[in-house]
Amino acid sequence: MKDNGHEEELQVNDRRRFTDEGESRFDAVDEPVEPAVAAAITPEELETWKQRASAAETKLREIAEIFRRYKDEHDAIRMRIERDRDLRVRESLGRSFMRILDAVDHLEMALQYADDNPLADGLRLALKGIYEALLAEGLEKLSLVGDPFDPQYAEAVALVPVENPELHNVVLAEMRTGFSLNGVVLRPAQVRVGSHQG
């Protein structure tokens, strides 16, 4: 609106009593009551209105708290669903890797008895490529030879008598390679473990 060639500034006062998060605003300004209206309100009516306003604020806080709890519960459910989904994906991937590893074991056993010829060399290269692809997907070989035997990572398929007491309960050889996927043992190794009788 223009007045004498000047544009009048439009001023807006935020009179909301609560923030968007449901908290009381301490800077909220109560609207001034017209003197004629103030005179028409009796002290009893004023007290009633104050009680109603207080009850409304309390109810609003309760609703804001219920909403906050609902939001927290919703976030927790969403996170649980994401964890469950990731677990199912890892389990499915693990099952797929186990089937591939079984086939790789058969190839390795066959190559142990194969003569050196171009076909065997080609199979060794293919086997190496399979291992590299599996390792690129997060599969890791467990290297346990020389480490103390740990049933979380290996199955003892044989106890080998040893003279040196330091080799007691130590993995001496791997009969079948073990693997882990993202830090979780997918397939324990099959190992020979030293046993000192002394």
C-alpha atoms as a PDB file:
ATOM      1  CA  MET A   1       0.000   0.000   0.000  1.00  0.00           C
ATOM      2  CA  LYS A   2       1.374   3.421  -0.886  1.00  0.00           C
ATOM      3  CA  ASP A   3       1.032   6.491   1.346  1.00  0.00           C
ATOM      4  CA  ASN A   4       2.352   9.844   0.029  1.00  0.00           C
ATOM      5  CA  GLY A   5       4.644   8.078  -2.432  1.00  0.00           C
ATOM      6  CA  HIS A   6       6.088   5.733   0.212  1.00  0.00           C
ATOM      7  CA  GLU A   7       5.477   2.029   0.434  1.00  0.00           C
ATOM      8  CA  GLU A   8       4.193   0.923   3.838  1.00  0.00           C
ATOM      9  CA  GLU A   9       6.097  -2.011   5.366  1.00  0.00           C
ATOM     10  CA  LEU A  10       4.076  -5.071   6.191  1.00  0.00           C
ATOM     11  CA  GLN A  11       4.992  -6.454   9.614  1.00  0.00           C
ATOM     12  CA  VAL A  12       4.124  -9.961  10.743  1.00  0.00           C
ATOM     13  CA  ASN A  13       4.360 -11.054  14.359  1.00  0.00           C
ATOM     14  CA  ASP A  14       4.670 -14.775  15.023  1.00  0.00           C
ATOM     15  CA  ARG A  15       2.206 -15.373  17.830  1.00  0.00           C
ATOM     16  CA  ARG A  16       2.359 -19.132  17.905  1.00  0.00           C
ATOM     17  CA  ARG A  17       2.764 -20.401  21.447  1.00  0.00           C
ATOM     18  CA  PHE A  18       4.665 -23.575  20.424  1.00  0.00           C
ATOM     19  CA  THR A  19       7.576 -24.397  18.115  1.00  0.00           C
ATOM     20  CA  ASP A  20       7.254 -26.928  15.293  1.00  0.00           C
ATOM     21  CA  GLU A  21       8.737 -29.524  17.685  1.00  0.00           C
ATOM     22  CA  GLY A  22       5.927 -28.925  20.204  1.00  0.00           C
ATOM     23  CA  GLU A  23       8.020 -26.975  22.720  1.00  0.00           C
ATOM     24  CA  SER A  24       6.621 -23.862  24.425  1.00  0.00           C
ATOM     25  CA  ARG A  25       7.935 -20.620  23.003  1.00  0.00           C
ATOM     26  CA  PHE A  26       9.153 -18.377  25.765  1.00  0.00           C
ATOM     27  CA  ASP A  27       9.288 -15.392  23.433  1.00  0.00           C
ATOM     28  CA  ALA A  28       5.592 -15.687  22.512  1.00  0.00           C
ATOM     29  CA  VAL A  29       3.767 -12.462  23.167  1.00  0.00           C
ATOM     30  CA  ASP A  30       0.220 -12.552  24.456  1.00  0.00           C
ATOM     31  CA  GLU A  31      -2.115 -10.351  22.483  1.00  0.00           C
ATOM     32  CA  PRO A  32      -3.203  -7.299  24.415  1.00  0.00           C
ATOM     33  CA  VAL A  33      -6.805  -7.451  25.515  1.00  0.00           C
ATOM     34  CA  GLU A  34      -9.003  -4.501  24.656  1.00  0.00           C
ATOM     35  CA  PRO A  35      -9.918  -2.568  27.835  1.00  0.00           C
ATOM     36  CA  ALA A  36     -13.631  -2.920  27.126  1.00  0.00           C
ATOM     37  CA  VAL A  37     -13.269  -6.704  26.697  1.00  0.00           C
ATOM     38  CA  ALA A  38     -11.064  -6.987  29.791  1.00  0.00           C
ATOM     39  CA  ALA A  39     -13.670  -5.181  31.843  1.00  0.00           C
ATOM     40  CA  ALA A  40     -16.382  -7.569  30.611  1.00  0.00           C
ATOM     41  CA  ILE A  41     -14.472 -10.676  31.826  1.00  0.00           C
ATOM     42  CA  THR A  42     -15.068 -11.567  35.431  1.00  0.00           C
ATOM     43  CA  PRO A  43     -12.238 -12.977  37.578  1.00  0.00           C
ATOM     44  CA  GLU A  44     -14.023 -16.354  37.659  1.00  0.00           C
ATOM     45  CA  GLU A  45     -14.263 -16.438  33.848  1.00  0.00           C
ATOM     46  CA  LEU A  46     -10.623 -15.418  33.572  1.00  0.00           C
ATOM     47  CA  GLU A  47      -9.618 -18.253  35.906  1.00  0.00           C
ATOM     48  CA  THR A  48     -11.741 -20.699  33.873  1.00  0.00           C
ATOM     49  CA  TRP A  49     -10.064 -19.580  30.649  1.00  0.00           C
ATOM     50  CA  LYS A  50      -6.620 -19.885  32.223  1.00  0.00           C
ATOM     51  CA  GLN A  51      -7.429 -23.415  33.391  1.00  0.00           C
ATOM     52  CA  ARG A  52      -8.706 -24.342  29.947  1.00  0.00           C
ATOM     53  CA  ALA A  53      -5.587 -22.875  28.309  1.00  0.00           C
ATOM     54  CA  SER A  54      -3.363 -24.758  30.753  1.00  0.00           C
ATOM     55  CA  ALA A  55      -5.274 -27.993  30.109  1.00  0.00           C
ATOM     56  CA  ALA A  56      -4.956 -27.452  26.345  1.00  0.00           C
ATOM     57  CA  GLU A  57      -1.196 -26.866  26.654  1.00  0.00           C
ATOM     58  CA  THR A  58      -0.845 -30.011  28.776  1.00  0.00           C
ATOM     59  CA  LYS A  59      -2.829 -32.024  26.233  1.00  0.00           C
ATOM     60  CA  LEU A  60      -0.701 -30.616  23.418  1.00  0.00           C
ATOM     61  CA  ARG A  61       2.484 -31.621  25.251  1.00  0.00           C
ATOM     62  CA  GLU A  62       1.066 -35.132  25.744  1.00  0.00           C
ATOM     63  CA  ILE A  63       0.249 -35.394  22.048  1.00  0.00           C
ATOM     64  CA  ALA A  64       3.740 -34.114  21.139  1.00  0.00           C
ATOM     65  CA  GLU A  65       5.276 -36.755  23.465  1.00  0.00           C
ATOM     66  CA  ILE A  66       3.117 -39.509  21.949  1.00  0.00           C
ATOM     67  CA  PHE A  67       4.199 -38.385  18.477  1.00  0.00           C
ATOM     68  CA  ARG A  68       7.870 -38.363  19.535  1.00  0.00           C
ATOM     69  CA  ARG A  69       7.558 -41.909  20.954  1.00  0.00           C
ATOM     70  CA  TYR A  70       5.774 -43.052  17.791  1.00  0.00           C
ATOM     71  CA  LYS A  71       8.547 -41.548  15.651  1.00  0.00           C
ATOM     72  CA  ASP A  72      11.256 -43.230  17.775  1.00  0.00           C
ATOM     73  CA  GLU A  73       9.431 -46.562  17.527  1.00  0.00           C
ATOM     74  CA  HIS A  74       9.016 -46.113  13.770  1.00  0.00           C
ATOM     75  CA  ASP A  75      12.755 -45.396  13.396  1.00  0.00           C
ATOM     76  CA  ALA A  76      13.621 -48.468  15.493  1.00  0.00           C
ATOM     77  CA  ILE A  77      11.345 -50.683  13.367  1.00  0.00           C
ATOM     78  CA  ARG A  78      12.862 -49.300  10.174  1.00  0.00           C
ATOM     79  CA  MET A  79      16.390 -49.999  11.435  1.00  0.00           C
ATOM     80  CA  ARG A  80      15.394 -53.530  12.517  1.00  0.00           C
ATOM     81  CA  ILE A  81      13.882 -54.209   9.076  1.00  0.00           C
ATOM     82  CA  GLU A  82      17.079 -52.972   7.390  1.00  0.00           C
ATOM     83  CA  ARG A  83      19.224 -55.200   9.655  1.00  0.00           C
ATOM     84  CA  ASP A  84      16.989 -58.213   8.942  1.00  0.00           C
ATOM     85  CA  ARG A  85      17.140 -57.531   5.213  1.00  0.00           C
ATOM     86  CA  ASP A  86      20.941 -57.236   5.298  1.00  0.00           C
ATOM     87  CA  LEU A  87      21.158 -60.468   7.309  1.00  0.00           C
ATOM     88  CA  ARG A  88      18.969 -62.322   4.799  1.00  0.00           C
ATOM     89  CA  VAL A  89      21.078 -61.013   1.914  1.00  0.00           C
ATOM     90  CA  ARG A  90      24.293 -62.140   3.671  1.00  0.00           C
ATOM     91  CA  GLU A  91      22.801 -65.568   4.438  1.00  0.00           C
ATOM     92  CA  SER A  92      21.683 -66.002   0.827  1.00  0.00           C
ATOM     93  CA  LEU A  93      25.083 -64.884  -0.423  1.00  0.00           C
ATOM     94  CA  GLY A  94      26.748 -67.293   2.020  1.00  0.00           C
ATOM     95  CA  ARG A  95      24.668 -70.219   0.746  1.00  0.00           C
ATOM     96  CA  SER A  96      25.595 -69.340  -2.837  1.00  0.00           C
ATOM     97  CA  PHE A  97      29.274 -69.113  -1.933  1.00  0.00           C
ATOM     98  CA  MET A  98      29.118 -72.489  -0.142  1.00  0.00           C
ATOM     99  CA  ARG A  99      27.807 -74.188  -3.306  1.00  0.00           C
ATOM    100  CA  ILE A 100      30.564 -72.553  -5.349  1.00  0.00           C
ATOM    101  CA  LEU A 101      33.214 -73.539  -2.781  1.00  0.00           C
ATOM    102  CA  ASP A 102      32.047 -77.165  -2.877  1.00  0.00           C
ATOM    103  CA  ALA A 103      32.545 -77.186  -6.649  1.00  0.00           C
ATOM    104  CA  VAL A 104      35.950 -75.498  -6.240  1.00  0.00           C
ATOM    105  CA  ASP A 105      36.980 -78.200  -3.716  1.00  0.00           C
ATOM    106  CA  HIS A 106      36.188 -80.899  -6.279  1.00  0.00           C
ATOM    107  CA  LEU A 107      38.230 -79.078  -8.907  1.00  0.00           C
ATOM    108  CA  GLU A 108      41.183 -78.771  -6.506  1.00  0.00           C
ATOM    109  CA  MET A 109      41.033 -82.482  -5.646  1.00  0.00           C
ATOM    110  CA  ALA A 110      40.910 -83.404  -9.325  1.00  0.00           C
ATOM    111  CA  LEU A 111      43.906 -81.164 -10.047  1.00  0.00           C
ATOM    112  CA  GLN A 112      45.955 -82.878  -7.311  1.00  0.00           C
ATOM    113  CA  TYR A 113      45.869 -86.063  -9.371  1.00  0.00           C
ATOM    114  CA  ALA A 114      46.076 -84.444 -12.806  1.00  0.00           C
ATOM    115  CA  ASP A 115      49.219 -84.681 -14.919  1.00  0.00           C
ATOM    116  CA  ASP A 116      50.948 -81.501 -15.977  1.00  0.00           C
ATOM    117  CA  ASN A 117      49.384 -80.724 -19.319  1.00  0.00           C
ATOM    118  CA  PRO A 118      47.747 -77.714 -20.990  1.00  0.00           C
ATOM    119  CA  LEU A 119      44.266 -78.785 -19.827  1.00  0.00           C
ATOM    120  CA  ALA A 120      45.357 -78.953 -16.155  1.00  0.00           C
ATOM    121  CA  ASP A 121      47.125 -75.590 -16.500  1.00  0.00           C
ATOM    122  CA  GLY A 122      43.942 -74.081 -17.939  1.00  0.00           C
ATOM    123  CA  LEU A 123      41.887 -75.485 -15.049  1.00  0.00           C
ATOM    124  CA  ARG A 124      44.356 -74.003 -12.541  1.00  0.00           C
ATOM    125  CA  LEU A 125      43.977 -70.583 -14.208  1.00  0.00           C
ATOM    126  CA  ALA A 126      40.176 -70.921 -14.129  1.00  0.00           C
ATOM    127  CA  LEU A 127      40.331 -71.897 -10.453  1.00  0.00           C
ATOM    128  CA  LYS A 128      42.497 -68.879  -9.706  1.00  0.00           C
ATOM    129  CA  GLY A 129      39.971 -66.642 -11.503  1.00  0.00           C
ATOM    130  CA  ILE A 130      37.106 -68.098  -9.439  1.00  0.00           C
ATOM    131  CA  TYR A 131      39.002 -67.437  -6.211  1.00  0.00           C
ATOM    132  CA  GLU A 132      39.777 -63.855  -7.250  1.00  0.00           C
ATOM    133  CA  ALA A 133      36.104 -63.239  -8.071  1.00  0.00           C
ATOM    134  CA  LEU A 134      34.995 -64.650  -4.698  1.00  0.00           C
ATOM    135  CA  LEU A 135      37.591 -62.614  -2.824  1.00  0.00           C
ATOM    136  CA  ALA A 136      36.440 -59.465  -4.643  1.00  0.00           C
ATOM    137  CA  GLU A 137      32.916 -60.111  -3.278  1.00  0.00           C
ATOM    138  CA  GLY A 138      34.126 -60.088   0.340  1.00  0.00           C
ATOM    139  CA  LEU A 139      35.077 -63.729   0.830  1.00  0.00           C
ATOM    140  CA  GLU A 140      38.333 -64.206   2.754  1.00  0.00           C
ATOM    141  CA  LYS A 141      40.536 -67.252   3.159  1.00  0.00           C
ATOM    142  CA  LEU A 142      41.325 -68.275   6.717  1.00  0.00           C
ATOM    143  CA  SER A 143      45.072 -68.800   7.152  1.00  0.00           C
ATOM    144  CA  LEU A 144      45.418 -70.881  10.302  1.00  0.00           C
ATOM    145  CA  VAL A 145      48.660 -72.872   9.949  1.00  0.00           C
ATOM    146  CA  GLY A 146      50.927 -72.022  12.885  1.00  0.00           C
ATOM    147  CA  ASP A 147      48.094 -70.505  14.950  1.00  0.00           C
ATOM    148  CA  PRO A 148      46.617 -72.061  18.097  1.00  0.00           C
ATOM    149  CA  PHE A 149      43.627 -74.260  17.274  1.00  0.00           C
ATOM    150  CA  ASP A 150      40.350 -72.369  17.662  1.00  0.00           C
ATOM    151  CA  PRO A 151      37.102 -74.326  17.135  1.00  0.00           C
ATOM    152  CA  GLN A 152      35.361 -71.122  15.988  1.00  0.00           C
ATOM    153  CA  TYR A 153      37.520 -71.121  12.866  1.00  0.00           C
ATOM    154  CA  ALA A 154      38.432 -74.751  12.282  1.00  0.00           C
ATOM    155  CA  GLU A 155      37.424 -78.390  12.695  1.00  0.00           C
ATOM    156  CA  ALA A 156      40.170 -80.746  13.860  1.00  0.00           C
ATOM    157  CA  VAL A 157      40.090 -83.794  11.577  1.00  0.00           C
ATOM    158  CA  ALA A 158      43.288 -85.322  12.952  1.00  0.00           C
ATOM    159  CA  LEU A 159      45.600 -85.080  15.970  1.00  0.00           C
ATOM    160  CA  VAL A 160      49.264 -85.395  15.036  1.00  0.00           C
ATOM    161  CA  PRO A 161      51.740 -86.452  17.760  1.00  0.00           C
ATOM    162  CA  VAL A 162      54.527 -83.867  18.152  1.00  0.00           C
ATOM    163  CA  GLU A 163      57.786 -83.904  20.129  1.00  0.00           C
ATOM    164  CA  ASN A 164      57.909 -80.131  20.623  1.00  0.00           C
ATOM    165  CA  PRO A 165      55.551 -79.031  23.430  1.00  0.00           C
ATOM    166  CA  GLU A 166      55.224 -75.596  21.791  1.00  0.00           C
ATOM    167  CA  LEU A 167      53.346 -77.257  18.909  1.00  0.00           C
ATOM    168  CA  HIS A 168      50.714 -78.714  21.228  1.00  0.00           C
ATOM    169  CA  ASN A 169      47.241 -77.581  20.136  1.00  0.00           C
ATOM    170  CA  VAL A 170      48.728 -75.700  17.148  1.00  0.00           C
ATOM    171  CA  VAL A 171      47.366 -76.039  13.604  1.00  0.00           C
ATOM    172  CA  LEU A 172      49.979 -77.958  11.592  1.00  0.00           C
ATOM    173  CA  ALA A 173      48.215 -78.305   8.240  1.00  0.00           C
ATOM    174  CA  GLU A 174      44.980 -77.454   6.487  1.00  0.00           C
ATOM    175  CA  MET A 175      43.097 -80.285   4.839  1.00  0.00           C
ATOM    176  CA  ARG A 176      40.374 -77.976   3.545  1.00  0.00           C
ATOM    177  CA  THR A 177      40.583 -74.190   3.371  1.00  0.00           C
ATOM    178  CA  GLY A 178      38.217 -72.203   5.569  1.00  0.00           C
ATOM    179  CA  PHE A 179      36.534 -68.974   4.541  1.00  0.00           C
ATOM    180  CA  SER A 180      34.874 -66.000   6.188  1.00  0.00           C
ATOM    181  CA  LEU A 181      32.430 -63.520   4.675  1.00  0.00           C
ATOM    182  CA  ASN A 182      32.485 -59.953   6.015  1.00  0.00           C
ATOM    183  CA  GLY A 183      34.214 -61.103   9.200  1.00  0.00           C
ATOM    184  CA  VAL A 184      31.831 -64.032   9.881  1.00  0.00           C
ATOM    185  CA  VAL A 185      33.067 -67.611   9.444  1.00  0.00           C
ATOM    186  CA  LEU A 186      31.273 -69.047   6.432  1.00  0.00           C
ATOM    187  CA  ARG A 187      33.041 -72.390   6.324  1.00  0.00           C
ATOM    188  CA  PRO A 188      35.458 -73.547   9.035  1.00  0.00           C
ATOM    189  CA  ALA A 189      38.751 -75.000   7.873  1.00  0.00           C
ATOM    190  CA  GLN A 190      39.510 -78.704   8.335  1.00  0.00           C
ATOM    191  CA  VAL A 191      42.902 -78.976   9.991  1.00  0.00           C
ATOM    192  CA  ARG A 192      45.457 -81.265  11.567  1.00  0.00           C
ATOM    193  CA  VAL A 193      46.380 -80.236  15.109  1.00  0.00           C
ATOM    194  CA  GLY A 194      49.543 -81.019  17.027  1.00  0.00           C
ATOM    195  CA  SER A 195      49.228 -83.100  20.182  1.00  0.00           C
ATOM    196  CA  HIS A 196      52.117 -83.374  22.645  1.00  0.00           C
ATOM    197  CA  GLN A 197      52.009 -86.225  25.133  1.00  0.00           C
ATOM    198  CA  GLY A 198      54.294 -85.283  27.939  1.00  0.00           C
END
